[in-house]
């Protein structure tokens, strides 16, 4: 799975509650989980349980986001502490981002 590979590439010290910022696009969002396709090409599992629902309740696949959080000790996901939305780069007819 790309999540494990992407997070495994982080230095060991970076995963010990060190803050991380991921910029990319929402692939899907469901309940307290969100999958983000990072600009680096990795698909990252993000736990959004700790943030206010107001920050994500209108998000959908294709939305551009910047996730602030930390990597869990087992490196399986990122725990979000804040999500900033960016300008969308998709058209109204598609839920998927368009190439620049």
PDB file of N, CA and C in Angstrom:
ATOM      1  N   UNK A   1       0.839  -1.172   0.000  1.00  0.00           N
ATOM      2  CA  UNK A   1       0.000   0.000   0.000  1.00  0.00           C
ATOM      3  C   UNK A   1       0.889   1.242   0.000  1.00  0.00           C
ATOM      4  N   UNK A   2       0.537   2.237  -0.765  1.00  0.00           N
ATOM      5  CA  UNK A   2       1.353   3.438  -0.875  1.00  0.00           C
ATOM      6  C   UNK A   2       1.450   4.210   0.428  1.00  0.00           C
ATOM      7  N   UNK A   3       0.441   4.107   1.280  1.00  0.00           N
ATOM      8  CA  UNK A   3       0.477   4.840   2.540  1.00  0.00           C
ATOM      9  C   UNK A   3       1.673   4.389   3.355  1.00  0.00           C
ATOM     10  N   UNK A   4       1.811   3.086   3.519  1.00  0.00           N
ATOM     11  CA  UNK A   4       2.922   2.543   4.284  1.00  0.00           C
ATOM     12  C   UNK A   4       4.255   2.899   3.660  1.00  0.00           C
ATOM     13  N   UNK A   5       4.343   2.795   2.357  1.00  0.00           N
ATOM     14  CA  UNK A   5       5.576   3.114   1.655  1.00  0.00           C
ATOM     15  C   UNK A   5       5.923   4.584   1.817  1.00  0.00           C
ATOM     16  N   UNK A   6       4.948   5.453   1.623  1.00  0.00           N
ATOM     17  CA  UNK A   6       5.194   6.888   1.736  1.00  0.00           C
ATOM     18  C   UNK A   6       5.612   7.282   3.134  1.00  0.00           C
ATOM     19  N   UNK A   7       4.957   6.734   4.131  1.00  0.00           N
ATOM     20  CA  UNK A   7       5.294   7.075   5.506  1.00  0.00           C
ATOM     21  C   UNK A   7       6.566   6.374   5.956  1.00  0.00           C
ATOM     22  N   UNK A   8       6.860   5.209   5.389  1.00  0.00           N
ATOM     23  CA  UNK A   8       8.085   4.496   5.731  1.00  0.00           C
ATOM     24  C   UNK A   8       9.316   5.246   5.239  1.00  0.00           C
ATOM     25  N   UNK A   9       9.163   6.062   4.224  1.00  0.00           N
ATOM     26  CA  UNK A   9      10.284   6.812   3.692  1.00  0.00           C
ATOM     27  C   UNK A   9      10.668   7.996   4.569  1.00  0.00           C
ATOM     28  N   UNK A  10       9.809   8.348   5.524  1.00  0.00           N
ATOM     29  CA  UNK A  10      10.126   9.434   6.441  1.00  0.00           C
ATOM     30  C   UNK A  10      11.220   8.974   7.400  1.00  0.00           C
ATOM     31  N   UNK A  11      12.131   9.841   7.782  1.00  0.00           N
ATOM     32  CA  UNK A  11      13.138   9.471   8.778  1.00  0.00           C
ATOM     33  C   UNK A  11      12.469   9.061  10.078  1.00  0.00           C
ATOM     34  N   UNK A  12      13.078   8.143  10.801  1.00  0.00           N
ATOM     35  CA  UNK A  12      12.470   7.614  12.031  1.00  0.00           C
ATOM     36  C   UNK A  12      12.128   8.713  13.018  1.00  0.00           C
ATOM     37  N   UNK A  13      12.961   9.728  13.169  1.00  0.00           N
ATOM     38  CA  UNK A  13      12.690  10.826  14.093  1.00  0.00           C
ATOM     39  C   UNK A  13      11.493  11.651  13.679  1.00  0.00           C
ATOM     40  N   UNK A  14      11.167  11.651  12.394  1.00  0.00           N
ATOM     41  CA  UNK A  14      10.062  12.468  11.904  1.00  0.00           C
ATOM     42  C   UNK A  14       8.716  11.907  12.308  1.00  0.00           C
ATOM     43  N   UNK A  15       8.660  10.639  12.679  1.00  0.00           N
ATOM     44  CA  UNK A  15       7.386  10.032  13.002  1.00  0.00           C
ATOM     45  C   UNK A  15       7.046  10.108  14.480  1.00  0.00           C
ATOM     46  N   UNK A  16       7.967  10.546  15.318  1.00  0.00           N
ATOM     47  CA  UNK A  16       7.749  10.581  16.758  1.00  0.00           C
ATOM     48  C   UNK A  16       7.051  11.885  17.150  1.00  0.00           C
ATOM     49  N   UNK A  17       5.795  12.007  16.813  1.00  0.00           N
ATOM     50  CA  UNK A  17       4.961  13.155  17.133  1.00  0.00           C
ATOM     51  C   UNK A  17       5.448  14.456  16.487  1.00  0.00           C
ATOM     52  N   UNK A  18       6.325  14.362  15.532  1.00  0.00           N
ATOM     53  CA  UNK A  18       6.753  15.567  14.825  1.00  0.00           C
ATOM     54  C   UNK A  18       5.655  15.999  13.875  1.00  0.00           C
ATOM     55  N   UNK A  19       5.455  17.279  13.770  1.00  0.00           N
ATOM     56  CA  UNK A  19       4.415  17.817  12.903  1.00  0.00           C
ATOM     57  C   UNK A  19       4.787  17.606  11.446  1.00  0.00           C
ATOM     58  N   UNK A  20       3.768  17.411  10.625  1.00  0.00           N
ATOM     59  CA  UNK A  20       3.942  17.190   9.196  1.00  0.00           C
ATOM     60  C   UNK A  20       2.866  17.982   8.461  1.00  0.00           C
ATOM     61  N   UNK A  21       3.166  18.424   7.270  1.00  0.00           N
ATOM     62  CA  UNK A  21       2.203  19.128   6.437  1.00  0.00           C
ATOM     63  C   UNK A  21       2.118  18.378   5.111  1.00  0.00           C
ATOM     64  N   UNK A  22       0.898  18.046   4.700  1.00  0.00           N
ATOM     65  CA  UNK A  22       0.658  17.343   3.440  1.00  0.00           C
ATOM     66  C   UNK A  22      -0.204  18.236   2.568  1.00  0.00           C
ATOM     67  N   UNK A  23       0.255  18.482   1.363  1.00  0.00           N
ATOM     68  CA  UNK A  23      -0.512  19.267   0.402  1.00  0.00           C
ATOM     69  C   UNK A  23      -0.915  18.340  -0.738  1.00  0.00           C
ATOM     70  N   UNK A  24      -2.193  18.363  -1.095  1.00  0.00           N
ATOM     71  CA  UNK A  24      -2.660  17.495  -2.163  1.00  0.00           C
ATOM     72  C   UNK A  24      -4.151  17.643  -2.406  1.00  0.00           C
ATOM     73  N   UNK A  25      -4.740  16.563  -2.895  1.00  0.00           N
ATOM     74  CA  UNK A  25      -6.163  16.538  -3.237  1.00  0.00           C
ATOM     75  C   UNK A  25      -6.883  15.454  -2.451  1.00  0.00           C
ATOM     76  N   UNK A  26      -8.100  15.750  -2.032  1.00  0.00           N
ATOM     77  CA  UNK A  26      -8.933  14.758  -1.358  1.00  0.00           C
ATOM     78  C   UNK A  26      -9.314  13.684  -2.383  1.00  0.00           C
ATOM     79  N   UNK A  27      -9.037  12.428  -2.051  1.00  0.00           N
ATOM     80  CA  UNK A  27      -9.498  11.324  -2.890  1.00  0.00           C
ATOM     81  C   UNK A  27     -10.899  10.915  -2.461  1.00  0.00           C
ATOM     82  N   UNK A  28     -11.075  10.745  -1.163  1.00  0.00           N
ATOM     83  CA  UNK A  28     -12.390  10.462  -0.603  1.00  0.00           C
ATOM     84  C   UNK A  28     -12.390  10.864   0.870  1.00  0.00           C
ATOM     85  N   UNK A  29     -13.602  11.042   1.378  1.00  0.00           N
ATOM     86  CA  UNK A  29     -13.778  11.396   2.784  1.00  0.00           C
ATOM     87  C   UNK A  29     -15.013  10.660   3.286  1.00  0.00           C
ATOM     88  N   UNK A  30     -14.887  10.052   4.486  1.00  0.00           N
ATOM     89  CA  UNK A  30     -15.984   9.256   5.020  1.00  0.00           C
ATOM     90  C   UNK A  30     -15.884   9.230   6.542  1.00  0.00           C
ATOM     91  N   UNK A  31     -16.846   9.828   7.195  1.00  0.00           N
ATOM     92  CA  UNK A  31     -16.852   9.833   8.658  1.00  0.00           C
ATOM     93  C   UNK A  31     -15.646  10.546   9.222  1.00  0.00           C
ATOM     94  N   UNK A  32     -14.762   9.797   9.884  1.00  0.00           N
ATOM     95  CA  UNK A  32     -13.573  10.392  10.477  1.00  0.00           C
ATOM     96  C   UNK A  32     -12.301  10.018   9.718  1.00  0.00           C
ATOM     97  N   UNK A  33     -12.454   9.607   8.470  1.00  0.00           N
ATOM     98  CA  UNK A  33     -11.301   9.228   7.651  1.00  0.00           C
ATOM     99  C   UNK A  33     -11.314   9.997   6.341  1.00  0.00           C
ATOM    100  N   UNK A  34     -10.114  10.314   5.879  1.00  0.00           N
ATOM    101  CA  UNK A  34      -9.973  10.987   4.599  1.00  0.00           C
ATOM    102  C   UNK A  34      -8.724  10.439   3.924  1.00  0.00           C
ATOM    103  N   UNK A  35      -8.797  10.245   2.635  1.00  0.00           N
ATOM    104  CA  UNK A  35      -7.647   9.813   1.853  1.00  0.00           C
ATOM    105  C   UNK A  35      -7.199  10.995   1.007  1.00  0.00           C
ATOM    106  N   UNK A  36      -5.905  11.325   1.080  1.00  0.00           N
ATOM    107  CA  UNK A  36      -5.366  12.467   0.354  1.00  0.00           C
ATOM    108  C   UNK A  36      -4.287  11.982  -0.600  1.00  0.00           C
ATOM    109  N   UNK A  37      -4.376  12.405  -1.865  1.00  0.00           N
ATOM    110  CA  UNK A  37      -3.307  12.163  -2.821  1.00  0.00           C
ATOM    111  C   UNK A  37      -2.361  13.345  -2.719  1.00  0.00           C
ATOM    112  N   UNK A  38      -1.220  13.110  -2.076  1.00  0.00           N
ATOM    113  CA  UNK A  38      -0.249  14.176  -1.855  1.00  0.00           C
ATOM    114  C   UNK A  38       0.393  14.589  -3.170  1.00  0.00           C
ATOM    115  N   UNK A  39       0.859  15.823  -3.225  1.00  0.00           N
ATOM    116  CA  UNK A  39       1.543  16.312  -4.412  1.00  0.00           C
ATOM    117  C   UNK A  39       2.788  15.492  -4.719  1.00  0.00           C
ATOM    118  N   UNK A  40       3.307  14.796  -3.719  1.00  0.00           N
ATOM    119  CA  UNK A  40       4.477  13.941  -3.911  1.00  0.00           C
ATOM    120  C   UNK A  40       4.134  12.632  -4.605  1.00  0.00           C
ATOM    121  N   UNK A  41       2.827  12.355  -4.775  1.00  0.00           N
ATOM    122  CA  UNK A  41       2.395  11.146  -5.461  1.00  0.00           C
ATOM    123  C   UNK A  41       1.947  10.018  -4.553  1.00  0.00           C
ATOM    124  N   UNK A  42       2.043  10.198  -3.247  1.00  0.00           N
ATOM    125  CA  UNK A  42       1.625   9.161  -2.304  1.00  0.00           C
ATOM    126  C   UNK A  42       0.190   9.384  -1.861  1.00  0.00           C
ATOM    127  N   UNK A  43      -0.517   8.282  -1.658  1.00  0.00           N
ATOM    128  CA  UNK A  43      -1.868   8.327  -1.129  1.00  0.00           C
ATOM    129  C   UNK A  43      -1.770   8.150   0.385  1.00  0.00           C
ATOM    130  N   UNK A  44      -2.263   9.138   1.127  1.00  0.00           N
ATOM    131  CA  UNK A  44      -2.086   9.176   2.577  1.00  0.00           C
ATOM    132  C   UNK A  44      -3.432   9.039   3.276  1.00  0.00           C
ATOM    133  N   UNK A  45      -3.483   8.126   4.252  1.00  0.00           N
ATOM    134  CA  UNK A  45      -4.662   7.928   5.088  1.00  0.00           C
ATOM    135  C   UNK A  45      -4.619   8.957   6.212  1.00  0.00           C
ATOM    136  N   UNK A  46      -5.668   9.771   6.330  1.00  0.00           N
ATOM    137  CA  UNK A  46      -5.705  10.842   7.321  1.00  0.00           C
ATOM    138  C   UNK A  46      -6.883  10.623   8.266  1.00  0.00           C
ATOM    139  N   UNK A  47      -6.600  10.608   9.561  1.00  0.00           N
ATOM    140  CA  UNK A  47      -7.641  10.525  10.575  1.00  0.00           C
ATOM    141  C   UNK A  47      -8.052  11.955  10.912  1.00  0.00           C
ATOM    142  N   UNK A  48      -9.335  12.270  10.742  1.00  0.00           N
ATOM    143  CA  UNK A  48      -9.820  13.629  10.973  1.00  0.00           C
ATOM    144  C   UNK A  48     -10.699  13.724  12.216  1.00  0.00           C
ATOM    145  N   UNK A  49     -10.581  12.745  13.090  1.00  0.00           N
ATOM    146  CA  UNK A  49     -11.396  12.667  14.298  1.00  0.00           C
ATOM    147  C   UNK A  49     -11.136  13.822  15.267  1.00  0.00           C
ATOM    148  N   UNK A  50      -9.951  14.392  15.265  1.00  0.00           N
ATOM    149  CA  UNK A  50      -9.587  15.436  16.233  1.00  0.00           C
ATOM    150  C   UNK A  50      -9.905  16.853  15.780  1.00  0.00           C
ATOM    151  N   UNK A  51     -10.395  17.023  14.580  1.00  0.00           N
ATOM    152  CA  UNK A  51     -10.682  18.381  14.118  1.00  0.00           C
ATOM    153  C   UNK A  51     -12.184  18.616  14.071  1.00  0.00           C
ATOM    154  N   UNK A  52     -12.547  19.872  14.062  1.00  0.00           N
ATOM    155  CA  UNK A  52     -13.946  20.247  14.032  1.00  0.00           C
ATOM    156  C   UNK A  52     -14.574  19.838  12.697  1.00  0.00           C
ATOM    157  N   UNK A  53     -15.787  19.335  12.759  1.00  0.00           N
ATOM    158  CA  UNK A  53     -16.479  18.918  11.545  1.00  0.00           C
ATOM    159  C   UNK A  53     -16.679  20.091  10.584  1.00  0.00           C
ATOM    160  N   UNK A  54     -16.704  21.304  11.104  1.00  0.00           N
ATOM    161  CA  UNK A  54     -16.835  22.492  10.259  1.00  0.00           C
ATOM    162  C   UNK A  54     -15.689  22.617   9.261  1.00  0.00           C
ATOM    163  N   UNK A  55     -14.524  22.060   9.601  1.00  0.00           N
ATOM    164  CA  UNK A  55     -13.359  22.161   8.724  1.00  0.00           C
ATOM    165  C   UNK A  55     -13.451  21.241   7.505  1.00  0.00           C
ATOM    166  N   UNK A  56     -14.295  20.211   7.583  1.00  0.00           N
ATOM    167  CA  UNK A  56     -14.319  19.241   6.481  1.00  0.00           C
ATOM    168  C   UNK A  56     -15.708  18.836   5.994  1.00  0.00           C
ATOM    169  N   UNK A  57     -16.766  19.328   6.592  1.00  0.00           N
ATOM    170  CA  UNK A  57     -18.104  18.811   6.256  1.00  0.00           C
ATOM    171  C   UNK A  57     -18.556  19.111   4.820  1.00  0.00           C
ATOM    172  N   UNK A  58     -17.962  20.061   4.135  1.00  0.00           N
ATOM    173  CA  UNK A  58     -18.355  20.343   2.754  1.00  0.00           C
ATOM    174  C   UNK A  58     -17.296  19.895   1.742  1.00  0.00           C
ATOM    175  N   UNK A  59     -16.271  19.203   2.218  1.00  0.00           N
ATOM    176  CA  UNK A  59     -15.232  18.742   1.288  1.00  0.00           C
ATOM    177  C   UNK A  59     -15.734  17.583   0.452  1.00  0.00           C
ATOM    178  N   UNK A  60     -15.145  17.444  -0.736  1.00  0.00           N
ATOM    179  CA  UNK A  60     -15.476  16.323  -1.608  1.00  0.00           C
ATOM    180  C   UNK A  60     -14.224  15.925  -2.378  1.00  0.00           C
ATOM    181  N   UNK A  61     -14.290  14.799  -3.032  1.00  0.00           N
ATOM    182  CA  UNK A  61     -13.170  14.343  -3.841  1.00  0.00           C
ATOM    183  C   UNK A  61     -12.756  15.397  -4.843  1.00  0.00           C
ATOM    184  N   UNK A  62     -11.452  15.621  -4.945  1.00  0.00           N
ATOM    185  CA  UNK A  62     -10.932  16.608  -5.872  1.00  0.00           C
ATOM    186  C   UNK A  62     -10.608  17.938  -5.227  1.00  0.00           C
ATOM    187  N   UNK A  63     -11.089  18.175  -4.002  1.00  0.00           N
ATOM    188  CA  UNK A  63     -10.783  19.427  -3.316  1.00  0.00           C
ATOM    189  C   UNK A  63      -9.303  19.471  -2.942  1.00  0.00           C
ATOM    190  N   UNK A  64      -8.715  20.617  -3.138  1.00  0.00           N
ATOM    191  CA  UNK A  64      -7.318  20.838  -2.785  1.00  0.00           C
ATOM    192  C   UNK A  64      -7.245  21.165  -1.299  1.00  0.00           C
ATOM    193  N   UNK A  65      -6.314  20.497  -0.586  1.00  0.00           N
ATOM    194  CA  UNK A  65      -6.195  20.696   0.859  1.00  0.00           C
ATOM    195  C   UNK A  65      -4.728  20.738   1.286  1.00  0.00           C
ATOM    196  N   UNK A  66      -4.541  21.300   2.459  1.00  0.00           N
ATOM    197  CA  UNK A  66      -3.259  21.230   3.160  1.00  0.00           C
ATOM    198  C   UNK A  66      -3.594  20.704   4.547  1.00  0.00           C
ATOM    199  N   UNK A  67      -3.043  19.530   4.878  1.00  0.00           N
ATOM    200  CA  UNK A  67      -3.321  18.870   6.152  1.00  0.00           C
ATOM    201  C   UNK A  67      -2.128  19.085   7.083  1.00  0.00           C
ATOM    202  N   UNK A  68      -2.411  19.577   8.278  1.00  0.00           N
ATOM    203  CA  UNK A  68      -1.400  19.755   9.312  1.00  0.00           C
ATOM    204  C   UNK A  68      -1.663  18.706  10.381  1.00  0.00           C
ATOM    205  N   UNK A  69      -0.667  17.951  10.754  1.00  0.00           N
ATOM    206  CA  UNK A  69      -0.862  16.917  11.757  1.00  0.00           C
ATOM    207  C   UNK A  69       0.427  16.210  12.091  1.00  0.00           C
ATOM    208  N   UNK A  70       0.306  14.948  12.524  1.00  0.00           N
ATOM    209  CA  UNK A  70       1.477  14.160  12.857  1.00  0.00           C
ATOM    210  C   UNK A  70       1.253  12.711  12.449  1.00  0.00           C
ATOM    211  N   UNK A  71       2.354  12.018  12.216  1.00  0.00           N
ATOM    212  CA  UNK A  71       2.316  10.608  11.808  1.00  0.00           C
ATOM    213  C   UNK A  71       2.171   9.755  13.056  1.00  0.00           C
ATOM    214  N   UNK A  72       1.308   8.740  12.993  1.00  0.00           N
ATOM    215  CA  UNK A  72       1.147   7.833  14.124  1.00  0.00           C
ATOM    216  C   UNK A  72       2.420   7.004  14.303  1.00  0.00           C
ATOM    217  N   UNK A  73       2.675   6.517  15.516  1.00  0.00           N
ATOM    218  CA  UNK A  73       3.894   5.730  15.759  1.00  0.00           C
ATOM    219  C   UNK A  73       4.032   4.512  14.843  1.00  0.00           C
ATOM    220  N   UNK A  74       2.916   3.914  14.448  1.00  0.00           N
ATOM    221  CA  UNK A  74       3.009   2.744  13.558  1.00  0.00           C
ATOM    222  C   UNK A  74       3.108   3.132  12.078  1.00  0.00           C
ATOM    223  N   UNK A  75       3.124   4.442  11.805  1.00  0.00           N
ATOM    224  CA  UNK A  75       3.289   4.994  10.457  1.00  0.00           C
ATOM    225  C   UNK A  75       2.177   4.601   9.481  1.00  0.00           C
ATOM    226  N   UNK A  76       1.006   4.257  10.009  1.00  0.00           N
ATOM    227  CA  UNK A  76      -0.084   3.815   9.137  1.00  0.00           C
ATOM    228  C   UNK A  76      -0.979   4.952   8.667  1.00  0.00           C
ATOM    229  N   UNK A  77      -0.915   6.101   9.338  1.00  0.00           N
ATOM    230  CA  UNK A  77      -1.783   7.221   8.976  1.00  0.00           C
ATOM    231  C   UNK A  77      -1.267   8.507   9.598  1.00  0.00           C
ATOM    232  N   UNK A  78      -1.899   9.595   9.198  1.00  0.00           N
ATOM    233  CA  UNK A  78      -1.609  10.912   9.759  1.00  0.00           C
ATOM    234  C   UNK A  78      -2.822  11.335  10.575  1.00  0.00           C
ATOM    235  N   UNK A  79      -2.582  11.846  11.764  1.00  0.00           N
ATOM    236  CA  UNK A  79      -3.648  12.390  12.599  1.00  0.00           C
ATOM    237  C   UNK A  79      -3.707  13.883  12.304  1.00  0.00           C
ATOM    238  N   UNK A  80      -4.814  14.342  11.741  1.00  0.00           N
ATOM    239  CA  UNK A  80      -4.962  15.755  11.374  1.00  0.00           C
ATOM    240  C   UNK A  80      -5.264  16.592  12.604  1.00  0.00           C
ATOM    241  N   UNK A  81      -4.605  17.750  12.667  1.00  0.00           N
ATOM    242  CA  UNK A  81      -4.895  18.738  13.697  1.00  0.00           C
ATOM    243  C   UNK A  81      -5.573  19.956  13.088  1.00  0.00           C
ATOM    244  N   UNK A  82      -5.378  20.145  11.800  1.00  0.00           N
ATOM    245  CA  UNK A  82      -6.003  21.254  11.070  1.00  0.00           C
ATOM    246  C   UNK A  82      -5.986  20.933   9.577  1.00  0.00           C
ATOM    247  N   UNK A  83      -7.029  21.380   8.880  1.00  0.00           N
ATOM    248  CA  UNK A  83      -7.082  21.231   7.421  1.00  0.00           C
ATOM    249  C   UNK A  83      -7.427  22.583   6.823  1.00  0.00           C
ATOM    250  N   UNK A  84      -6.583  23.029   5.909  1.00  0.00           N
ATOM    251  CA  UNK A  84      -6.857  24.256   5.167  1.00  0.00           C
ATOM    252  C   UNK A  84      -7.262  23.868   3.757  1.00  0.00           C
ATOM    253  N   UNK A  85      -8.299  24.498   3.276  1.00  0.00           N
ATOM    254  CA  UNK A  85      -8.743  24.245   1.910  1.00  0.00           C
ATOM    255  C   UNK A  85      -8.082  25.229   0.971  1.00  0.00           C
ATOM    256  N   UNK A  86      -7.708  24.743  -0.189  1.00  0.00           N
ATOM    257  CA  UNK A  86      -7.101  25.602  -1.198  1.00  0.00           C
ATOM    258  C   UNK A  86      -8.070  25.802  -2.341  1.00  0.00           C
ATOM    259  N   UNK A  87      -7.678  26.615  -3.287  1.00  0.00           N
ATOM    260  CA  UNK A  87      -8.543  26.792  -4.458  1.00  0.00           C
ATOM    261  C   UNK A  87      -8.631  25.488  -5.239  1.00  0.00           C
ATOM    262  N   UNK A  88      -9.818  25.165  -5.669  1.00  0.00           N
ATOM    263  CA  UNK A  88     -10.015  23.931  -6.438  1.00  0.00           C
ATOM    264  C   UNK A  88      -9.506  24.106  -7.860  1.00  0.00           C
ATOM    265  N   UNK A  89      -8.976  23.030  -8.398  1.00  0.00           N
ATOM    266  CA  UNK A  89      -8.482  23.081  -9.766  1.00  0.00           C
ATOM    267  C   UNK A  89      -9.261  22.129 -10.665  1.00  0.00           C
ATOM    268  N   UNK A  90     -10.483  21.816 -10.265  1.00  0.00           N
ATOM    269  CA  UNK A  90     -11.328  20.982 -11.123  1.00  0.00           C
ATOM    270  C   UNK A  90     -12.452  21.842 -11.692  1.00  0.00           C
ATOM    271  N   UNK A  91     -13.003  21.376 -12.793  1.00  0.00           N
ATOM    272  CA  UNK A  91     -14.137  22.124 -13.338  1.00  0.00           C
ATOM    273  C   UNK A  91     -15.432  21.618 -12.713  1.00  0.00           C
ATOM    274  N   UNK A  92     -16.524  22.289 -12.965  1.00  0.00           N
ATOM    275  CA  UNK A  92     -17.795  21.925 -12.345  1.00  0.00           C
ATOM    276  C   UNK A  92     -18.351  20.596 -12.849  1.00  0.00           C
ATOM    277  N   UNK A  93     -17.815  20.078 -13.926  1.00  0.00           N
ATOM    278  CA  UNK A  93     -18.327  18.842 -14.499  1.00  0.00           C
ATOM    279  C   UNK A  93     -17.593  17.618 -14.017  1.00  0.00           C
ATOM    280  N   UNK A  94     -16.504  17.788 -13.300  1.00  0.00           N
ATOM    281  CA  UNK A  94     -15.680  16.659 -12.901  1.00  0.00           C
ATOM    282  C   UNK A  94     -15.345  16.740 -11.420  1.00  0.00           C
ATOM    283  N   UNK A  95     -15.343  15.600 -10.756  1.00  0.00           N
ATOM    284  CA  UNK A  95     -14.938  15.546  -9.351  1.00  0.00           C
ATOM    285  C   UNK A  95     -13.436  15.322  -9.225  1.00  0.00           C
ATOM    286  N   UNK A  96     -12.725  15.238 -10.340  1.00  0.00           N
ATOM    287  CA  UNK A  96     -11.308  14.947 -10.317  1.00  0.00           C
ATOM    288  C   UNK A  96     -10.500  16.177 -10.710  1.00  0.00           C
ATOM    289  N   UNK A  97      -9.322  16.343 -10.098  1.00  0.00           N
ATOM    290  CA  UNK A  97      -8.490  17.500 -10.422  1.00  0.00           C
ATOM    291  C   UNK A  97      -8.040  17.458 -11.873  1.00  0.00           C
ATOM    292  N   UNK A  98      -7.901  18.620 -12.453  1.00  0.00           N
ATOM    293  CA  UNK A  98      -7.437  18.734 -13.826  1.00  0.00           C
ATOM    294  C   UNK A  98      -5.962  19.111 -13.837  1.00  0.00           C
ATOM    295  N   UNK A  99      -5.247  18.651 -14.823  1.00  0.00           N
ATOM    296  CA  UNK A  99      -3.832  19.000 -14.957  1.00  0.00           C
ATOM    297  C   UNK A  99      -3.701  20.486 -15.240  1.00  0.00           C
ATOM    298  N   UNK A 100      -2.663  21.122 -14.680  1.00  0.00           N
ATOM    299  CA  UNK A 100      -2.486  22.556 -14.911  1.00  0.00           C
ATOM    300  C   UNK A 100      -2.123  22.854 -16.345  1.00  0.00           C
TER     301      UNK A 100
END
